[in-house]
C-alpha atoms as a PDB file:
ATOM      1  CA  UNK A   1     -22.338  11.563 -10.521  1.00  0.00           C
ATOM      2  CA  UNK A   2     -18.934  12.913  -9.537  1.00  0.00           C
ATOM      3  CA  UNK A   3     -16.355  10.134  -9.372  1.00  0.00           C
ATOM      4  CA  UNK A   4     -14.232   9.548  -6.282  1.00  0.00           C
ATOM      5  CA  UNK A   5     -10.512  10.246  -6.535  1.00  0.00           C
ATOM      6  CA  UNK A   6      -7.925   7.700  -5.423  1.00  0.00           C
ATOM      7  CA  UNK A   7      -4.137   7.982  -5.142  1.00  0.00           C
ATOM      8  CA  UNK A   8      -2.203   4.696  -5.363  1.00  0.00           C
ATOM      9  CA  UNK A   9       1.516   4.554  -4.583  1.00  0.00           C
ATOM     10  CA  UNK A  10       3.755   1.894  -6.087  1.00  0.00           C
ATOM     11  CA  UNK A  11       1.207   1.586  -8.892  1.00  0.00           C
ATOM     12  CA  UNK A  12       3.575   0.424 -11.626  1.00  0.00           C
ATOM     13  CA  UNK A  13       3.566  -3.245 -10.687  1.00  0.00           C
ATOM     14  CA  UNK A  14       2.319  -5.880  -8.296  1.00  0.00           C
ATOM     15  CA  UNK A  15      -0.314  -5.032  -5.723  1.00  0.00           C
ATOM     16  CA  UNK A  16      -0.306  -1.319  -6.506  1.00  0.00           C
ATOM     17  CA  UNK A  17      -0.946  -1.983 -10.183  1.00  0.00           C
ATOM     18  CA  UNK A  18      -3.778  -4.430  -9.444  1.00  0.00           C
ATOM     19  CA  UNK A  19      -5.438  -2.000  -7.032  1.00  0.00           C
ATOM     20  CA  UNK A  20      -5.102   1.001  -9.365  1.00  0.00           C
ATOM     21  CA  UNK A  21      -6.662  -0.986 -12.187  1.00  0.00           C
ATOM     22  CA  UNK A  22      -9.600  -2.318 -10.166  1.00  0.00           C
ATOM     23  CA  UNK A  23     -10.351   1.189  -8.930  1.00  0.00           C
ATOM     24  CA  UNK A  24     -10.283   2.520 -12.489  1.00  0.00           C
ATOM     25  CA  UNK A  25     -12.623  -0.242 -13.622  1.00  0.00           C
ATOM     26  CA  UNK A  26     -15.001   0.610 -10.767  1.00  0.00           C
ATOM     27  CA  UNK A  27     -15.464   4.264 -11.639  1.00  0.00           C
ATOM     28  CA  UNK A  28     -12.720   5.973  -9.659  1.00  0.00           C
ATOM     29  CA  UNK A  29     -10.459   8.667 -10.996  1.00  0.00           C
ATOM     30  CA  UNK A  30      -7.012   7.338 -10.153  1.00  0.00           C
ATOM     31  CA  UNK A  31      -3.598   8.924  -9.681  1.00  0.00           C
ATOM     32  CA  UNK A  32      -0.925   6.292 -10.234  1.00  0.00           C
ATOM     33  CA  UNK A  33       2.459   7.074  -8.756  1.00  0.00           C
ATOM     34  CA  UNK A  34       5.834   5.372  -8.531  1.00  0.00           C
ATOM     35  CA  UNK A  35       9.461   6.195  -9.150  1.00  0.00           C
ATOM     36  CA  UNK A  36       9.335   5.432 -12.892  1.00  0.00           C
ATOM     37  CA  UNK A  37       6.718   6.862 -15.213  1.00  0.00           C
ATOM     38  CA  UNK A  38       6.729   4.177 -17.931  1.00  0.00           C
ATOM     39  CA  UNK A  39       5.325   1.329 -15.781  1.00  0.00           C
ATOM     40  CA  UNK A  40       2.620   3.708 -14.540  1.00  0.00           C
ATOM     41  CA  UNK A  41       1.588   4.556 -18.085  1.00  0.00           C
ATOM     42  CA  UNK A  42       1.582   0.866 -18.959  1.00  0.00           C
ATOM     43  CA  UNK A  43      -0.637   0.061 -15.959  1.00  0.00           C
ATOM     44  CA  UNK A  44      -3.101   2.767 -16.892  1.00  0.00           C
ATOM     45  CA  UNK A  45      -2.986   1.883 -20.573  1.00  0.00           C
ATOM     46  CA  UNK A  46      -4.145  -1.669 -19.863  1.00  0.00           C
ATOM     47  CA  UNK A  47      -7.485  -0.315 -18.613  1.00  0.00           C
ATOM     48  CA  UNK A  48     -10.102   0.534 -21.223  1.00  0.00           C
ATOM     49  CA  UNK A  49     -11.215   3.787 -19.592  1.00  0.00           C
ATOM     50  CA  UNK A  50     -11.388   7.429 -20.569  1.00  0.00           C
ATOM     51  CA  UNK A  51      -7.918   8.989 -20.590  1.00  0.00           C
ATOM     52  CA  UNK A  52      -9.191  11.882 -18.466  1.00  0.00           C
ATOM     53  CA  UNK A  53      -9.755   9.524 -15.519  1.00  0.00           C
ATOM     54  CA  UNK A  54      -6.104   8.782 -14.864  1.00  0.00           C
ATOM     55  CA  UNK A  55      -2.970  10.691 -13.966  1.00  0.00           C
ATOM     56  CA  UNK A  56       0.513   9.163 -13.902  1.00  0.00           C
ATOM     57  CA  UNK A  57       3.017  10.969 -11.688  1.00  0.00           C
ATOM     58  CA  UNK A  58       6.626   9.866 -11.257  1.00  0.00           C
ATOM     59  CA  UNK A  59       7.467  10.511  -7.600  1.00  0.00           C
ATOM     60  CA  UNK A  60       9.645   9.107  -4.831  1.00  0.00           C
ATOM     61  CA  UNK A  61       7.558   8.793  -1.665  1.00  0.00           C
ATOM     62  CA  UNK A  62      10.731   9.153   0.417  1.00  0.00           C
ATOM     63  CA  UNK A  63      11.065  12.728  -0.807  1.00  0.00           C
ATOM     64  CA  UNK A  64       8.828  15.357   0.793  1.00  0.00           C
ATOM     65  CA  UNK A  65       8.928  17.674  -2.218  1.00  0.00           C
ATOM     66  CA  UNK A  66       7.928  14.807  -4.530  1.00  0.00           C
ATOM     67  CA  UNK A  67       4.980  13.935  -2.279  1.00  0.00           C
ATOM     68  CA  UNK A  68       3.893  17.576  -2.110  1.00  0.00           C
ATOM     69  CA  UNK A  69       4.048  17.790  -5.912  1.00  0.00           C
ATOM     70  CA  UNK A  70       2.103  14.529  -6.267  1.00  0.00           C
ATOM     71  CA  UNK A  71      -0.815  15.795  -4.237  1.00  0.00           C
ATOM     72  CA  UNK A  72      -0.684  19.264  -5.801  1.00  0.00           C
ATOM     73  CA  UNK A  73      -1.027  17.685  -9.249  1.00  0.00           C
ATOM     74  CA  UNK A  74      -3.870  15.514  -7.954  1.00  0.00           C
ATOM     75  CA  UNK A  75      -5.769  18.572  -6.738  1.00  0.00           C
ATOM     76  CA  UNK A  76      -5.062  20.477  -9.941  1.00  0.00           C
ATOM     77  CA  UNK A  77      -6.594  17.703 -12.040  1.00  0.00           C
ATOM     78  CA  UNK A  78      -9.336  16.260  -9.855  1.00  0.00           C
ATOM     79  CA  UNK A  79      -9.970  18.827  -7.107  1.00  0.00           C
ATOM     80  CA  UNK A  80      -9.980  16.488  -4.105  1.00  0.00           C
ATOM     81  CA  UNK A  81      -8.669  13.232  -2.604  1.00  0.00           C
ATOM     82  CA  UNK A  82     -11.100  10.553  -1.415  1.00  0.00           C
ATOM     83  CA  UNK A  83      -8.894   7.465  -1.064  1.00  0.00           C
ATOM     84  CA  UNK A  84      -5.161   6.911  -0.632  1.00  0.00           C
ATOM     85  CA  UNK A  85      -3.665   3.433  -0.901  1.00  0.00           C
ATOM     86  CA  UNK A  86      -0.270   3.633   0.822  1.00  0.00           C
ATOM     87  CA  UNK A  87       1.308   0.705  -0.962  1.00  0.00           C
ATOM     88  CA  UNK A  88       4.889   1.534  -1.957  1.00  0.00           C
ATOM     89  CA  UNK A  89       7.324  -0.679  -0.091  1.00  0.00           C
ATOM     90  CA  UNK A  90      10.516  -2.689  -0.353  1.00  0.00           C
ATOM     91  CA  UNK A  91      12.321  -5.407   1.565  1.00  0.00           C
ATOM     92  CA  UNK A  92      15.980  -6.098   2.397  1.00  0.00           C
ATOM     93  CA  UNK A  93      18.221  -9.122   1.837  1.00  0.00           C
ATOM     94  CA  UNK A  94      17.274 -11.975   4.233  1.00  0.00           C
ATOM     95  CA  UNK A  95      20.329 -11.910   6.497  1.00  0.00           C
ATOM     96  CA  UNK A  96      20.901 -11.889  10.247  1.00  0.00           C
ATOM     97  CA  UNK A  97      20.977  -8.468  11.847  1.00  0.00           C
ATOM     98  CA  UNK A  98      24.759  -8.332  12.281  1.00  0.00           C
ATOM     99  CA  UNK A  99      25.212  -8.995   8.551  1.00  0.00           C
ATOM    100  CA  UNK A 100      22.679  -6.382   7.492  1.00  0.00           C
ATOM    101  CA  UNK A 101      24.091  -3.424   5.590  1.00  0.00           C
ATOM    102  CA  UNK A 102      23.017  -0.165   7.230  1.00  0.00           C
ATOM    103  CA  UNK A 103      22.113   1.234   3.806  1.00  0.00           C
ATOM    104  CA  UNK A 104      19.653  -1.637   3.284  1.00  0.00           C
ATOM    105  CA  UNK A 105      18.091  -0.931   6.672  1.00  0.00           C
ATOM    106  CA  UNK A 106      17.766   2.768   5.889  1.00  0.00           C
ATOM    107  CA  UNK A 107      16.250   2.163   2.453  1.00  0.00           C
ATOM    108  CA  UNK A 108      13.467   0.013   3.929  1.00  0.00           C
ATOM    109  CA  UNK A 109      12.741   2.462   6.747  1.00  0.00           C
ATOM    110  CA  UNK A 110      12.755   5.460   4.413  1.00  0.00           C
ATOM    111  CA  UNK A 111      10.435   3.826   1.884  1.00  0.00           C
ATOM    112  CA  UNK A 112       8.059   1.812   4.039  1.00  0.00           C
ATOM    113  CA  UNK A 113       7.710   4.123   7.044  1.00  0.00           C
ATOM    114  CA  UNK A 114       8.700   7.644   5.996  1.00  0.00           C
ATOM    115  CA  UNK A 115       7.085   7.271   2.577  1.00  0.00           C
ATOM    116  CA  UNK A 116       3.792   6.134   4.086  1.00  0.00           C
ATOM    117  CA  UNK A 117       3.976   8.888   6.708  1.00  0.00           C
ATOM    118  CA  UNK A 118       4.586  11.623   4.135  1.00  0.00           C
ATOM    119  CA  UNK A 119       1.702  10.495   1.927  1.00  0.00           C
ATOM    120  CA  UNK A 120      -0.658  10.083   4.877  1.00  0.00           C
ATOM    121  CA  UNK A 121       0.376  13.468   6.254  1.00  0.00           C
ATOM    122  CA  UNK A 122      -0.402  15.259   3.014  1.00  0.00           C
ATOM    123  CA  UNK A 123      -3.634  13.361   2.398  1.00  0.00           C
ATOM    124  CA  UNK A 124      -4.825  14.019   5.953  1.00  0.00           C
ATOM    125  CA  UNK A 125      -4.247  17.756   5.495  1.00  0.00           C
ATOM    126  CA  UNK A 126      -6.263  17.786   2.273  1.00  0.00           C
ATOM    127  CA  UNK A 127      -9.077  15.551   3.490  1.00  0.00           C
ATOM    128  CA  UNK A 128      -9.834  17.597   6.590  1.00  0.00           C
ATOM    129  CA  UNK A 129     -10.069  20.844   4.588  1.00  0.00           C
ATOM    130  CA  UNK A 130     -11.931  19.745   1.454  1.00  0.00           C
ATOM    131  CA  UNK A 131     -15.693  19.976   1.091  1.00  0.00           C
ATOM    132  CA  UNK A 132     -17.339  17.627   1.656  1.00  0.00           C
ATOM    133  CA  UNK A 133     -14.624  16.879   4.173  1.00  0.00           C
ATOM    134  CA  UNK A 134     -13.136  13.493   4.918  1.00  0.00           C
ATOM    135  CA  UNK A 135     -11.679  10.539   3.086  1.00  0.00           C
ATOM    136  CA  UNK A 136     -10.051   7.156   3.584  1.00  0.00           C
ATOM    137  CA  UNK A 137      -6.408   6.126   3.949  1.00  0.00           C
ATOM    138  CA  UNK A 138      -5.620   2.435   3.423  1.00  0.00           C
ATOM    139  CA  UNK A 139      -2.158   1.290   4.472  1.00  0.00           C
ATOM    140  CA  UNK A 140      -0.523  -1.819   3.050  1.00  0.00           C
ATOM    141  CA  UNK A 141       0.772  -3.659   6.093  1.00  0.00           C
ATOM    142  CA  UNK A 142       1.818  -7.300   6.132  1.00  0.00           C
ATOM    143  CA  UNK A 143       1.426 -10.539   8.010  1.00  0.00           C
ATOM    144  CA  UNK A 144       4.908  -9.612   9.240  1.00  0.00           C
ATOM    145  CA  UNK A 145       3.186  -6.990  11.376  1.00  0.00           C
ATOM    146  CA  UNK A 146       2.027  -9.932  13.521  1.00  0.00           C
ATOM    147  CA  UNK A 147       4.738 -12.566  13.104  1.00  0.00           C
ATOM    148  CA  UNK A 148       8.172 -12.191  11.481  1.00  0.00           C
ATOM    149  CA  UNK A 149       9.879 -14.414   9.008  1.00  0.00           C
ATOM    150  CA  UNK A 150      13.477 -15.413   9.825  1.00  0.00           C
ATOM    151  CA  UNK A 151      16.049 -12.750   8.967  1.00  0.00           C
ATOM    152  CA  UNK A 152      13.545  -9.975   8.279  1.00  0.00           C
ATOM    153  CA  UNK A 153      14.370  -7.247  10.808  1.00  0.00           C
ATOM    154  CA  UNK A 154      14.004  -4.144   8.569  1.00  0.00           C
ATOM    155  CA  UNK A 155      10.801  -5.246   6.862  1.00  0.00           C
ATOM    156  CA  UNK A 156       9.159  -6.533  10.048  1.00  0.00           C
ATOM    157  CA  UNK A 157      10.037  -3.400  12.009  1.00  0.00           C
ATOM    158  CA  UNK A 158       8.634  -1.247   9.220  1.00  0.00           C
ATOM    159  CA  UNK A 159       5.336  -3.125   9.119  1.00  0.00           C
ATOM    160  CA  UNK A 160       4.904  -2.917  12.889  1.00  0.00           C
ATOM    161  CA  UNK A 161       5.352   0.830  12.454  1.00  0.00           C
ATOM    162  CA  UNK A 162       2.639   0.888   9.790  1.00  0.00           C
ATOM    163  CA  UNK A 163       0.227  -0.709  12.264  1.00  0.00           C
ATOM    164  CA  UNK A 164       0.981   2.123  14.679  1.00  0.00           C
ATOM    165  CA  UNK A 165       0.421   4.683  11.932  1.00  0.00           C
ATOM    166  CA  UNK A 166      -2.904   3.063  11.075  1.00  0.00           C
ATOM    167  CA  UNK A 167      -4.158   3.133  14.651  1.00  0.00           C
ATOM    168  CA  UNK A 168      -3.095   6.751  15.170  1.00  0.00           C
ATOM    169  CA  UNK A 169      -4.709   7.953  11.946  1.00  0.00           C
ATOM    170  CA  UNK A 170      -7.899   6.027  12.711  1.00  0.00           C
ATOM    171  CA  UNK A 171      -8.055   7.816  16.069  1.00  0.00           C
ATOM    172  CA  UNK A 172      -6.967  11.284  14.998  1.00  0.00           C
ATOM    173  CA  UNK A 173      -9.097  11.194  11.853  1.00  0.00           C
ATOM    174  CA  UNK A 174     -12.420  10.719  13.659  1.00  0.00           C
ATOM    175  CA  UNK A 175     -13.185  14.405  14.119  1.00  0.00           C
ATOM    176  CA  UNK A 176     -12.351  15.093  10.475  1.00  0.00           C
ATOM    177  CA  UNK A 177     -14.390  12.215   8.977  1.00  0.00           C
ATOM    178  CA  UNK A 178     -11.160  10.496   7.909  1.00  0.00           C
ATOM    179  CA  UNK A 179     -11.142   6.710   8.150  1.00  0.00           C
ATOM    180  CA  UNK A 180      -7.937   4.696   8.167  1.00  0.00           C
ATOM    181  CA  UNK A 181      -7.539   0.958   7.770  1.00  0.00           C
ATOM    182  CA  UNK A 182      -4.830  -1.551   6.966  1.00  0.00           C
ATOM    183  CA  UNK A 183      -4.661  -4.619   4.768  1.00  0.00           C
ATOM    184  CA  UNK A 184      -2.217  -7.306   5.873  1.00  0.00           C
ATOM    185  CA  UNK A 185      -1.378  -9.564   2.955  1.00  0.00           C
ATOM    186  CA  UNK A 186       0.072 -13.046   3.012  1.00  0.00           C
ATOM    187  CA  UNK A 187       1.696 -14.514  -0.090  1.00  0.00           C
ATOM    188  CA  UNK A 188       0.021 -12.689  -2.951  1.00  0.00           C
ATOM    189  CA  UNK A 189       1.584 -13.853  -6.213  1.00  0.00           C
ATOM    190  CA  UNK A 190       3.678 -10.805  -7.074  1.00  0.00           C
ATOM    191  CA  UNK A 191       7.196 -10.375  -8.376  1.00  0.00           C
ATOM    192  CA  UNK A 192       8.393  -9.715  -4.818  1.00  0.00           C
ATOM    193  CA  UNK A 193       6.660 -12.754  -3.315  1.00  0.00           C
ATOM    194  CA  UNK A 194       7.173 -15.234  -6.171  1.00  0.00           C
ATOM    195  CA  UNK A 195      10.387 -16.715  -4.683  1.00  0.00           C
ATOM    196  CA  UNK A 196       8.371 -17.881  -1.660  1.00  0.00           C
ATOM    197  CA  UNK A 197       6.740 -20.464  -3.884  1.00  0.00           C
ATOM    198  CA  UNK A 198      10.131 -21.914  -4.797  1.00  0.00           C
ATOM    199  CA  UNK A 199      11.213 -22.270  -1.190  1.00  0.00           C
ATOM    200  CA  UNK A 200      11.934 -20.011   1.758  1.00  0.00           C
ATOM    201  CA  UNK A 201      13.331 -20.528   5.245  1.00  0.00           C
ATOM    202  CA  UNK A 202      10.882 -21.433   7.982  1.00  0.00           C
ATOM    203  CA  UNK A 203      11.235 -20.808  11.718  1.00  0.00           C
ATOM    204  CA  UNK A 204      12.698 -24.293  12.240  1.00  0.00           C
ATOM    205  CA  UNK A 205      15.363 -23.739   9.584  1.00  0.00           C
ATOM    206  CA  UNK A 206      13.731 -25.863   6.886  1.00  0.00           C
ATOM    207  CA  UNK A 207      13.340 -24.541   3.340  1.00  0.00           C
ATOM    208  CA  UNK A 208       9.736 -24.966   2.223  1.00  0.00           C
ATOM    209  CA  UNK A 209       7.861 -23.799  -0.853  1.00  0.00           C
ATOM    210  CA  UNK A 210       4.803 -21.831   0.255  1.00  0.00           C
ATOM    211  CA  UNK A 211       1.375 -21.558  -1.401  1.00  0.00           C
ATOM    212  CA  UNK A 212       0.607 -18.279  -3.166  1.00  0.00           C
ATOM    213  CA  UNK A 213      -2.747 -16.665  -3.945  1.00  0.00           C
ATOM    214  CA  UNK A 214      -3.921 -14.681  -6.954  1.00  0.00           C
ATOM    215  CA  UNK A 215      -3.229 -10.973  -6.630  1.00  0.00           C
ATOM    216  CA  UNK A 216      -6.817 -10.225  -7.683  1.00  0.00           C
ATOM    217  CA  UNK A 217      -7.983 -11.287  -4.218  1.00  0.00           C
ATOM    218  CA  UNK A 218      -5.951  -8.442  -2.742  1.00  0.00           C
ATOM    219  CA  UNK A 219      -7.346  -5.955  -5.245  1.00  0.00           C
ATOM    220  CA  UNK A 220     -10.962  -6.887  -4.528  1.00  0.00           C
ATOM    221  CA  UNK A 221     -10.279  -6.653  -0.782  1.00  0.00           C
ATOM    222  CA  UNK A 222      -8.869  -3.136  -1.099  1.00  0.00           C
ATOM    223  CA  UNK A 223     -11.817  -2.159  -3.297  1.00  0.00           C
ATOM    224  CA  UNK A 224     -14.196  -3.400  -0.595  1.00  0.00           C
ATOM    225  CA  UNK A 225     -12.404  -1.273   2.010  1.00  0.00           C
ATOM    226  CA  UNK A 226     -12.475   1.756  -0.283  1.00  0.00           C
ATOM    227  CA  UNK A 227     -16.169   1.394  -1.065  1.00  0.00           C
ATOM    228  CA  UNK A 228     -17.353   1.481   2.537  1.00  0.00           C
ATOM    229  CA  UNK A 229     -19.175   4.650   3.612  1.00  0.00           C
ATOM    230  CA  UNK A 230     -17.054   6.812   5.904  1.00  0.00           C
ATOM    231  CA  UNK A 231     -19.170   5.888   8.918  1.00  0.00           C
ATOM    232  CA  UNK A 232     -17.834   2.313   8.608  1.00  0.00           C
ATOM    233  CA  UNK A 233     -14.235   1.150   8.642  1.00  0.00           C
ATOM    234  CA  UNK A 234     -12.218  -2.045   8.406  1.00  0.00           C
ATOM    235  CA  UNK A 235      -9.388  -1.254  10.795  1.00  0.00           C
ATOM    236  CA  UNK A 236      -7.363  -4.394   9.931  1.00  0.00           C
ATOM    237  CA  UNK A 237      -8.011  -6.950   7.224  1.00  0.00           C
ATOM    238  CA  UNK A 238      -5.878 -10.061   6.773  1.00  0.00           C
ATOM    239  CA  UNK A 239      -6.110 -11.692   3.346  1.00  0.00           C
ATOM    240  CA  UNK A 240      -3.778 -14.621   2.777  1.00  0.00           C
ATOM    241  CA  UNK A 241      -3.126 -17.831   0.916  1.00  0.00           C
ATOM    242  CA  UNK A 242      -5.190 -20.296   2.936  1.00  0.00           C
ATOM    243  CA  UNK A 243      -2.493 -22.934   3.335  1.00  0.00           C
ATOM    244  CA  UNK A 244       0.522 -20.692   3.869  1.00  0.00           C
ATOM    245  CA  UNK A 245       2.438 -21.377   7.103  1.00  0.00           C
ATOM    246  CA  UNK A 246       1.284 -18.356   9.080  1.00  0.00           C
ATOM    247  CA  UNK A 247      -1.137 -19.593  11.729  1.00  0.00           C
ATOM    248  CA  UNK A 248       1.191 -21.406  14.102  1.00  0.00           C
ATOM    249  CA  UNK A 249       4.291 -19.787  12.601  1.00  0.00           C
ATOM    250  CA  UNK A 250       7.249 -20.111  14.922  1.00  0.00           C
END
């Protein structure tokens, strides 16, 4: 049986690493990409799988030429693209909008929106031409796509944009057998989210430590989305720490 091919961005740590590893352990060929090659190699090396089933590519998703090279190398090694997990993303310092450095704003927009767009654009082009045609794009959104945290303008704006990208790709991909869905994650225990457990500002100004959930629950959720046949799609999935202050936020 020919194995499916998945591309995972931001695969050197956190959610991207967990998803890349669960895909490898469930018989996918996986291309792991991120800005630094060493964490990618470490992520892949932790999986006891045949070396031929992985490819580590250092690439900056903000850079069109890097994205083009990433997918060219994927095709050279594996011949097609079945799943893309658009995961790479960053946040900005939690300050009010008038204190926000424009460079911090631009970095979030370039990474979270433009990076996801460039990867989706290239994957879409490949998926509609390959035989058998089609594939699945899974975007990493956020609970912030529904309700913001205080002082989170760049990140929240970027995740609302990802929801728009998801809906457009889900619509435009129909005739090409391309499915697109989004996972909106709340408080997975990653390096980025760990400080939430120590205490973060709530809508009423209080500082409260928030519950976190094991990152493996995110990985299994993405695997479930990836494993669906292309005639079925989870358009939006919300997986979150049960007791986090989201429902009723604000």
